[in-house]
Structure formats: structure tokens, C-alpha cells
C-alpha atoms as a PDB file:
ATOM      1  CA  UNK A   1       0.080   0.029   0.100  1.00  0.00           C
ATOM      2  CA  UNK A   2       2.643   2.058   1.211  1.00  0.00           C
ATOM      3  CA  UNK A   3       4.906   1.807  -2.033  1.00  0.00           C
ATOM      4  CA  UNK A   4       1.958   2.155  -4.406  1.00  0.00           C
ATOM      5  CA  UNK A   5       1.124   5.609  -2.219  1.00  0.00           C
ATOM      6  CA  UNK A   6       4.796   6.814  -2.621  1.00  0.00           C
ATOM      7  CA  UNK A   7       4.491   6.255  -6.535  1.00  0.00           C
ATOM      8  CA  UNK A   8       1.535   8.013  -7.644  1.00  0.00           C
ATOM      9  CA  UNK A   9       2.991  10.867  -5.664  1.00  0.00           C
ATOM     10  CA  UNK A  10       6.258  10.133  -7.579  1.00  0.00           C
ATOM     11  CA  UNK A  11       5.570  10.121 -10.953  1.00  0.00           C
ATOM     12  CA  UNK A  12       1.905  12.763 -10.460  1.00  0.00           C
ATOM     13  CA  UNK A  13       4.410  15.292  -8.651  1.00  0.00           C
ATOM     14  CA  UNK A  14       6.773  15.160 -11.702  1.00  0.00           C
ATOM     15  CA  UNK A  15       5.005  15.212 -14.108  1.00  0.00           C
ATOM     16  CA  UNK A  16       2.649  18.293 -12.975  1.00  0.00           C
ATOM     17  CA  UNK A  17       6.363  19.734 -12.257  1.00  0.00           C
ATOM     18  CA  UNK A  18       7.381  19.172 -15.676  1.00  0.00           C
ATOM     19  CA  UNK A  19       4.810  20.832 -17.134  1.00  0.00           C
ATOM     20  CA  UNK A  20       4.951  23.437 -14.967  1.00  0.00           C
ATOM     21  CA  UNK A  21       8.663  24.209 -15.455  1.00  0.00           C
ATOM     22  CA  UNK A  22       8.901  24.262 -18.829  1.00  0.00           C
ATOM     23  CA  UNK A  23       5.494  26.405 -18.641  1.00  0.00           C
ATOM     24  CA  UNK A  24       7.683  28.474 -16.674  1.00  0.00           C
ATOM     25  CA  UNK A  25      10.648  28.774 -19.234  1.00  0.00           C
ATOM     26  CA  UNK A  26       8.663  29.953 -21.318  1.00  0.00           C
ATOM     27  CA  UNK A  27       6.178  32.427 -19.825  1.00  0.00           C
ATOM     28  CA  UNK A  28       8.055  33.934 -17.067  1.00  0.00           C
ATOM     29  CA  UNK A  29      11.813  33.397 -17.411  1.00  0.00           C
ATOM     30  CA  UNK A  30      11.656  35.956 -19.964  1.00  0.00           C
ATOM     31  CA  UNK A  31      10.437  38.758 -17.730  1.00  0.00           C
ATOM     32  CA  UNK A  32      12.797  37.761 -14.962  1.00  0.00           C
ATOM     33  CA  UNK A  33      15.761  37.526 -17.624  1.00  0.00           C
ATOM     34  CA  UNK A  34      14.778  40.763 -18.703  1.00  0.00           C
ATOM     35  CA  UNK A  35      14.091  42.079 -15.388  1.00  0.00           C
ATOM     36  CA  UNK A  36      17.560  41.104 -14.132  1.00  0.00           C
ATOM     37  CA  UNK A  37      19.240  43.104 -16.857  1.00  0.00           C
ATOM     38  CA  UNK A  38      17.561  46.398 -14.704  1.00  0.00           C
ATOM     39  CA  UNK A  39      19.025  44.922 -11.959  1.00  0.00           C
ATOM     40  CA  UNK A  40      22.456  45.190 -13.544  1.00  0.00           C
ATOM     41  CA  UNK A  41      22.245  48.562 -15.211  1.00  0.00           C
ATOM     42  CA  UNK A  42      22.716  46.743 -18.510  1.00  0.00           C
ATOM     43  CA  UNK A  43      19.301  48.560 -19.290  1.00  0.00           C
ATOM     44  CA  UNK A  44      18.546  51.815 -17.411  1.00  0.00           C
ATOM     45  CA  UNK A  45      14.854  53.358 -18.718  1.00  0.00           C
ATOM     46  CA  UNK A  46      12.014  52.112 -21.823  1.00  0.00           C
ATOM     47  CA  UNK A  47      12.561  54.133 -24.329  1.00  0.00           C
ATOM     48  CA  UNK A  48      13.150  53.765 -27.247  1.00  0.00           C
ATOM     49  CA  UNK A  49      17.172  54.269 -28.259  1.00  0.00           C
ATOM     50  CA  UNK A  50      17.866  52.063 -24.977  1.00  0.00           C
ATOM     51  CA  UNK A  51      14.642  48.570 -25.803  1.00  0.00           C
ATOM     52  CA  UNK A  52      17.160  48.633 -28.725  1.00  0.00           C
ATOM     53  CA  UNK A  53      20.999  48.921 -27.735  1.00  0.00           C
ATOM     54  CA  UNK A  54      20.002  46.508 -24.904  1.00  0.00           C
ATOM     55  CA  UNK A  55      21.869  43.146 -24.697  1.00  0.00           C
ATOM     56  CA  UNK A  56      19.418  40.933 -26.105  1.00  0.00           C
ATOM     57  CA  UNK A  57      18.681  37.818 -23.246  1.00  0.00           C
ATOM     58  CA  UNK A  58      20.618  35.070 -22.881  1.00  0.00           C
ATOM     59  CA  UNK A  59      19.312  32.201 -24.793  1.00  0.00           C
ATOM     60  CA  UNK A  60      18.932  28.408 -23.495  1.00  0.00           C
ATOM     61  CA  UNK A  61      21.100  28.433 -20.359  1.00  0.00           C
ATOM     62  CA  UNK A  62      21.445  23.795 -20.311  1.00  0.00           C
ATOM     63  CA  UNK A  63      22.583  25.027 -16.552  1.00  0.00           C
ATOM     64  CA  UNK A  64      20.557  26.757 -15.356  1.00  0.00           C
ATOM     65  CA  UNK A  65      17.395  25.914 -17.390  1.00  0.00           C
ATOM     66  CA  UNK A  66      17.817  22.105 -16.238  1.00  0.00           C
ATOM     67  CA  UNK A  67      17.995  23.237 -12.415  1.00  0.00           C
ATOM     68  CA  UNK A  68      15.102  25.131 -12.678  1.00  0.00           C
ATOM     69  CA  UNK A  69      13.348  21.975 -13.856  1.00  0.00           C
ATOM     70  CA  UNK A  70      14.640  19.675 -11.584  1.00  0.00           C
ATOM     71  CA  UNK A  71      13.490  22.297  -8.636  1.00  0.00           C
ATOM     72  CA  UNK A  72      10.637  22.428 -10.276  1.00  0.00           C
ATOM     73  CA  UNK A  73       9.380  19.180 -10.490  1.00  0.00           C
ATOM     74  CA  UNK A  74      11.081  18.182  -6.400  1.00  0.00           C
ATOM     75  CA  UNK A  75       9.150  21.142  -4.907  1.00  0.00           C
ATOM     76  CA  UNK A  76       5.674  19.871  -6.702  1.00  0.00           C
ATOM     77  CA  UNK A  77       6.431  15.361  -6.152  1.00  0.00           C
ATOM     78  CA  UNK A  78       6.942  17.228  -2.377  1.00  0.00           C
ATOM     79  CA  UNK A  79       3.447  19.065  -3.004  1.00  0.00           C
ATOM     80  CA  UNK A  80       2.266  15.573  -4.436  1.00  0.00           C
ATOM     81  CA  UNK A  81       3.423  13.454  -1.097  1.00  0.00           C
ATOM     82  CA  UNK A  82       1.913  15.831   1.014  1.00  0.00           C
ATOM     83  CA  UNK A  83      -1.681  16.105  -0.885  1.00  0.00           C
ATOM     84  CA  UNK A  84      -1.498  11.956  -0.692  1.00  0.00           C
ATOM     85  CA  UNK A  85      -0.404  12.116   2.763  1.00  0.00           C
ATOM     86  CA  UNK A  86      -3.912  14.452   3.353  1.00  0.00           C
ATOM     87  CA  UNK A  87      -5.607  12.414   0.764  1.00  0.00           C
ATOM     88  CA  UNK A  88      -4.876   9.055   2.898  1.00  0.00           C
ATOM     89  CA  UNK A  89      -6.149  10.195   6.336  1.00  0.00           C
ATOM     90  CA  UNK A  90      -9.401  10.379   4.272  1.00  0.00           C
ATOM     91  CA  UNK A  91      -9.042   7.090   3.497  1.00  0.00           C
ATOM     92  CA  UNK A  92      -8.911   6.168   6.776  1.00  0.00           C
ATOM     93  CA  UNK A  93     -12.255   7.377   8.080  1.00  0.00           C
ATOM     94  CA  UNK A  94     -13.625   5.505   4.892  1.00  0.00           C
ATOM     95  CA  UNK A  95     -12.689   7.610   2.087  1.00  0.00           C
ATOM     96  CA  UNK A  96     -12.868   6.250  -1.364  1.00  0.00           C
ATOM     97  CA  UNK A  97      -8.972   7.515  -3.403  1.00  0.00           C
ATOM     98  CA  UNK A  98      -9.143   7.183  -6.863  1.00  0.00           C
ATOM     99  CA  UNK A  99      -7.774   9.164  -9.824  1.00  0.00           C
ATOM    100  CA  UNK A 100     -10.673  11.710  -9.704  1.00  0.00           C
ATOM    101  CA  UNK A 101     -10.739  12.505  -6.112  1.00  0.00           C
ATOM    102  CA  UNK A 102      -7.227  13.115  -6.416  1.00  0.00           C
ATOM    103  CA  UNK A 103      -7.377  15.383  -9.043  1.00  0.00           C
ATOM    104  CA  UNK A 104      -9.951  16.997  -7.750  1.00  0.00           C
ATOM    105  CA  UNK A 105      -8.345  17.442  -4.429  1.00  0.00           C
ATOM    106  CA  UNK A 106      -5.008  18.741  -7.048  1.00  0.00           C
ATOM    107  CA  UNK A 107      -6.694  21.154  -8.090  1.00  0.00           C
ATOM    108  CA  UNK A 108      -8.136  22.456  -4.614  1.00  0.00           C
ATOM    109  CA  UNK A 109      -5.110  23.046  -3.746  1.00  0.00           C
ATOM    110  CA  UNK A 110      -4.125  24.374  -6.105  1.00  0.00           C
ATOM    111  CA  UNK A 111      -6.568  27.076  -5.418  1.00  0.00           C
ATOM    112  CA  UNK A 112      -5.449  27.101  -2.107  1.00  0.00           C
ATOM    113  CA  UNK A 113      -2.271  27.535  -2.561  1.00  0.00           C
ATOM    114  CA  UNK A 114      -1.615  29.574  -6.319  1.00  0.00           C
ATOM    115  CA  UNK A 115      -5.377  30.473  -7.696  1.00  0.00           C
ATOM    116  CA  UNK A 116      -6.229  33.006  -4.668  1.00  0.00           C
ATOM    117  CA  UNK A 117      -2.826  34.685  -3.266  1.00  0.00           C
ATOM    118  CA  UNK A 118      -2.471  35.014  -6.929  1.00  0.00           C
ATOM    119  CA  UNK A 119      -5.475  37.160  -7.988  1.00  0.00           C
ATOM    120  CA  UNK A 120      -4.138  40.120  -5.249  1.00  0.00           C
ATOM    121  CA  UNK A 121      -0.185  39.350  -4.766  1.00  0.00           C
ATOM    122  CA  UNK A 122       1.373  39.474  -7.291  1.00  0.00           C
ATOM    123  CA  UNK A 123       5.144  37.855  -7.746  1.00  0.00           C
ATOM    124  CA  UNK A 124       8.493  40.339  -6.782  1.00  0.00           C
ATOM    125  CA  UNK A 125      10.336  40.435  -9.282  1.00  0.00           C
ATOM    126  CA  UNK A 126      13.838  41.652  -8.565  1.00  0.00           C
ATOM    127  CA  UNK A 127      14.326  45.807  -9.197  1.00  0.00           C
ATOM    128  CA  UNK A 128      11.164  46.784  -8.307  1.00  0.00           C
ATOM    129  CA  UNK A 129      10.089  47.559  -4.653  1.00  0.00           C
ATOM    130  CA  UNK A 130       7.755  45.313  -3.154  1.00  0.00           C
ATOM    131  CA  UNK A 131       5.972  45.483   0.471  1.00  0.00           C
ATOM    132  CA  UNK A 132       7.499  44.051   3.240  1.00  0.00           C
ATOM    133  CA  UNK A 133       8.319  40.758   2.990  1.00  0.00           C
ATOM    134  CA  UNK A 134       7.073  40.042   6.412  1.00  0.00           C
ATOM    135  CA  UNK A 135       3.954  41.186   5.315  1.00  0.00           C
ATOM    136  CA  UNK A 136       3.458  39.176   2.159  1.00  0.00           C
ATOM    137  CA  UNK A 137       4.217  36.039   4.041  1.00  0.00           C
ATOM    138  CA  UNK A 138       1.540  36.902   6.703  1.00  0.00           C
ATOM    139  CA  UNK A 139      -0.674  37.937   4.455  1.00  0.00           C
ATOM    140  CA  UNK A 140      -0.080  34.587   1.738  1.00  0.00           C
ATOM    141  CA  UNK A 141      -0.292  32.447   5.108  1.00  0.00           C
ATOM    142  CA  UNK A 142      -4.181  33.786   5.686  1.00  0.00           C
ATOM    143  CA  UNK A 143      -5.111  33.777   2.361  1.00  0.00           C
ATOM    144  CA  UNK A 144      -4.104  29.880   2.015  1.00  0.00           C
ATOM    145  CA  UNK A 145      -5.803  29.330   5.297  1.00  0.00           C
ATOM    146  CA  UNK A 146      -8.723  31.308   4.438  1.00  0.00           C
ATOM    147  CA  UNK A 147      -9.288  30.014   0.679  1.00  0.00           C
ATOM    148  CA  UNK A 148      -8.531  25.818   2.864  1.00  0.00           C
ATOM    149  CA  UNK A 149     -11.920  26.519   5.292  1.00  0.00           C
ATOM    150  CA  UNK A 150     -13.645  27.657   2.468  1.00  0.00           C
ATOM    151  CA  UNK A 151     -13.269  24.755  -0.283  1.00  0.00           C
ATOM    152  CA  UNK A 152     -13.843  22.647   2.868  1.00  0.00           C
ATOM    153  CA  UNK A 153     -17.157  24.952   3.651  1.00  0.00           C
ATOM    154  CA  UNK A 154     -17.998  24.466  -0.170  1.00  0.00           C
ATOM    155  CA  UNK A 155     -17.713  20.367   0.110  1.00  0.00           C
ATOM    156  CA  UNK A 156     -18.813  19.649   2.256  1.00  0.00           C
ATOM    157  CA  UNK A 157     -20.567  22.201   4.054  1.00  0.00           C
ATOM    158  CA  UNK A 158     -24.490  22.023   4.130  1.00  0.00           C
ATOM    159  CA  UNK A 159     -27.085  24.428   3.600  1.00  0.00           C
ATOM    160  CA  UNK A 160     -26.510  28.100   2.610  1.00  0.00           C
ATOM    161  CA  UNK A 161     -24.454  28.940   5.750  1.00  0.00           C
ATOM    162  CA  UNK A 162     -21.420  27.360   5.171  1.00  0.00           C
ATOM    163  CA  UNK A 163     -21.936  27.987   0.676  1.00  0.00           C
ATOM    164  CA  UNK A 164     -22.023  32.396   2.023  1.00  0.00           C
ATOM    165  CA  UNK A 165     -19.356  31.469   4.974  1.00  0.00           C
ATOM    166  CA  UNK A 166     -17.048  30.010   2.178  1.00  0.00           C
ATOM    167  CA  UNK A 167     -18.046  32.869  -0.187  1.00  0.00           C
ATOM    168  CA  UNK A 168     -17.147  35.455   2.545  1.00  0.00           C
ATOM    169  CA  UNK A 169     -13.421  33.920   3.357  1.00  0.00           C
ATOM    170  CA  UNK A 170     -12.751  33.647  -0.147  1.00  0.00           C
ATOM    171  CA  UNK A 171     -13.260  37.952  -0.809  1.00  0.00           C
ATOM    172  CA  UNK A 172     -11.900  38.648   3.048  1.00  0.00           C
ATOM    173  CA  UNK A 173      -8.203  38.602   2.243  1.00  0.00           C
ATOM    174  CA  UNK A 174      -8.444  40.432  -1.534  1.00  0.00           C
ATOM    175  CA  UNK A 175     -10.997  42.987   0.378  1.00  0.00           C
ATOM    176  CA  UNK A 176      -8.549  43.457   3.308  1.00  0.00           C
ATOM    177  CA  UNK A 177      -5.252  43.279   1.299  1.00  0.00           C
END
């Protein structure tokens, strides 16, 4: 039983991490590399002359891009292990763990830890002024916690009171923060 859980978590995490890493290399990395040009002083402002005169963004770097992929895969494998551990507690109480429930739990984890905080907390690009890191982390933890409780209320709550409470919890961090 344990080996089956471990194998499925490793496969799901590595697959999701590979897909996410490739998307990050395509969509996010050019923005980060461009921000590094500002941080290093190679690019000073947005004028037409400065943009045309700046050095080209570096292309594929096997070490940098390969390590990004590997660490993204490791991170998502850890997410999968945490998720499967949480799901196994449900199995002890009689819940059935199958592919459909795995996808639903995965989507719920994505909503709670990435999508909900991402609505109001933009990534901090190098060289750009942002709010204090402690305040950002406190807000992120509060938002993720509120989203987890809201998703639990949506999944297991009975009646309008639970559903309205879930909606309030999902909106509250974005209104306050």
C-alpha cells in the first residue's frame, strides 16, 4: 500500500512539475531575465533607444534551465506527497481514493496555494519595489488558510450558511489586503 502511494505521488508530482517548469521557462523566465537587465544596470529605462540598444536576453542555458526544471519537479513531488498524505487521512475514515478524487484534491490545492493568493499578490520581480516581505508572507498564509477553510465548507458544508461563509472567506483577504 505504501509503495503504491509513494509511486503515484512521485509520478504525479514529477509530471506536474515538468509541465509547470516548461511553462515557467516559456512564460516567466523572459520576464525575470529582462528584470535582471534592469537590476544589473544594462537596461536603464523604457526609451526606444535604450530598448533597442540593450543586450539580447540570454538564450537556453542548460545548467540554469535544467536546474530550474529539476527543482520545480522536486517541489511539485513534495506537493504531491503532502497531498497524498492528506488524502490518506480521509481513506482511514472510509473515503475512497481514486483518480477522480486525486484530481479534485489537486485542483483544491492549486486554488488554495496558488490561485487565491495570486489574485492580489503579484510575484516580486527583481529590481522592483514591493511591500515588506513579512507582511506579504503573513497575507499569503492568511489567504491560503482562508481558501482551505472555504473549500472545505464548499465541499462538506450543508446549506446556504456554509456556502455564504465560504464566499466571505474567499473574498475577505482580497478586500482587506
